[in-house]
Amino acid sequence: MENVIRFGGQEDLLGRDRIEIELPRFLVRAFEKQVAKANAGAPEEER
């Protein structure tokens, strides 16, 4: 782990931070399939 970020205890926990991670392609494909499954039947604007 090159860049480790520690979050303080008094920060806005609903705030957003951008992170970058590397994953093997098979795991990305598995996530895509799970997201598609979860979105099945949802209106287009909610996907």
Protein backbone atom coordinates (compact mmCIF):
# COMPACT_ATOMS: atom_id res chain seq x y z
CA MET A 1 0.00 0.00 0.00
CA GLU A 2 1.67 3.14 -1.17
CA ASN A 3 -0.78 5.88 -0.25
CA VAL A 4 -2.74 5.37 2.94
CA ILE A 5 -5.18 8.08 3.94
CA ARG A 6 -6.36 8.35 7.50
CA PHE A 7 -9.68 10.00 8.18
CA GLY A 8 -10.13 12.16 11.27
CA GLY A 9 -12.88 11.48 13.78
CA GLN A 10 -14.63 14.86 13.50
CA GLU A 11 -15.03 15.02 9.72
CA ASP A 12 -18.31 15.03 7.84
CA LEU A 13 -18.95 11.32 7.38
CA LEU A 14 -21.37 12.02 4.54
CA GLY A 15 -18.66 13.80 2.55
CA ARG A 16 -17.13 12.18 -0.50
CA ASP A 17 -13.53 11.31 -1.36
CA ARG A 18 -12.17 9.90 -4.61
CA ILE A 19 -9.99 6.80 -4.43
CA GLU A 20 -8.25 4.80 -7.13
CA ILE A 21 -7.77 1.05 -6.83
CA GLU A 22 -6.51 -1.71 -9.08
CA LEU A 23 -8.60 -4.85 -9.40
CA PRO A 24 -8.24 -7.96 -11.53
CA ARG A 25 -10.59 -7.94 -14.54
CA PHE A 26 -12.52 -10.98 -13.34
CA LEU A 27 -13.49 -9.10 -10.20
CA VAL A 28 -14.60 -6.03 -12.18
CA ARG A 29 -16.73 -8.30 -14.40
CA ALA A 30 -18.25 -9.93 -11.31
CA PHE A 31 -19.15 -6.49 -9.92
CA GLU A 32 -20.68 -5.50 -13.27
CA LYS A 33 -22.86 -8.62 -13.28
CA GLN A 34 -24.02 -7.97 -9.71
CA VAL A 35 -24.88 -4.35 -10.52
CA ALA A 36 -26.79 -5.40 -13.64
CA LYS A 37 -28.69 -7.97 -11.59
CA ALA A 38 -29.54 -5.39 -8.92
CA ASN A 39 -30.66 -2.88 -11.56
CA ALA A 40 -32.86 -5.31 -13.49
CA GLY A 41 -36.33 -3.82 -13.75
CA ALA A 42 -35.30 -0.42 -12.32
CA PRO A 43 -36.33 2.71 -14.23
CA GLU A 44 -33.59 4.07 -16.51
CA GLU A 45 -33.07 7.24 -14.41
CA GLU A 46 -32.35 5.13 -11.31
CA ARG A 47 -29.76 2.85 -12.90
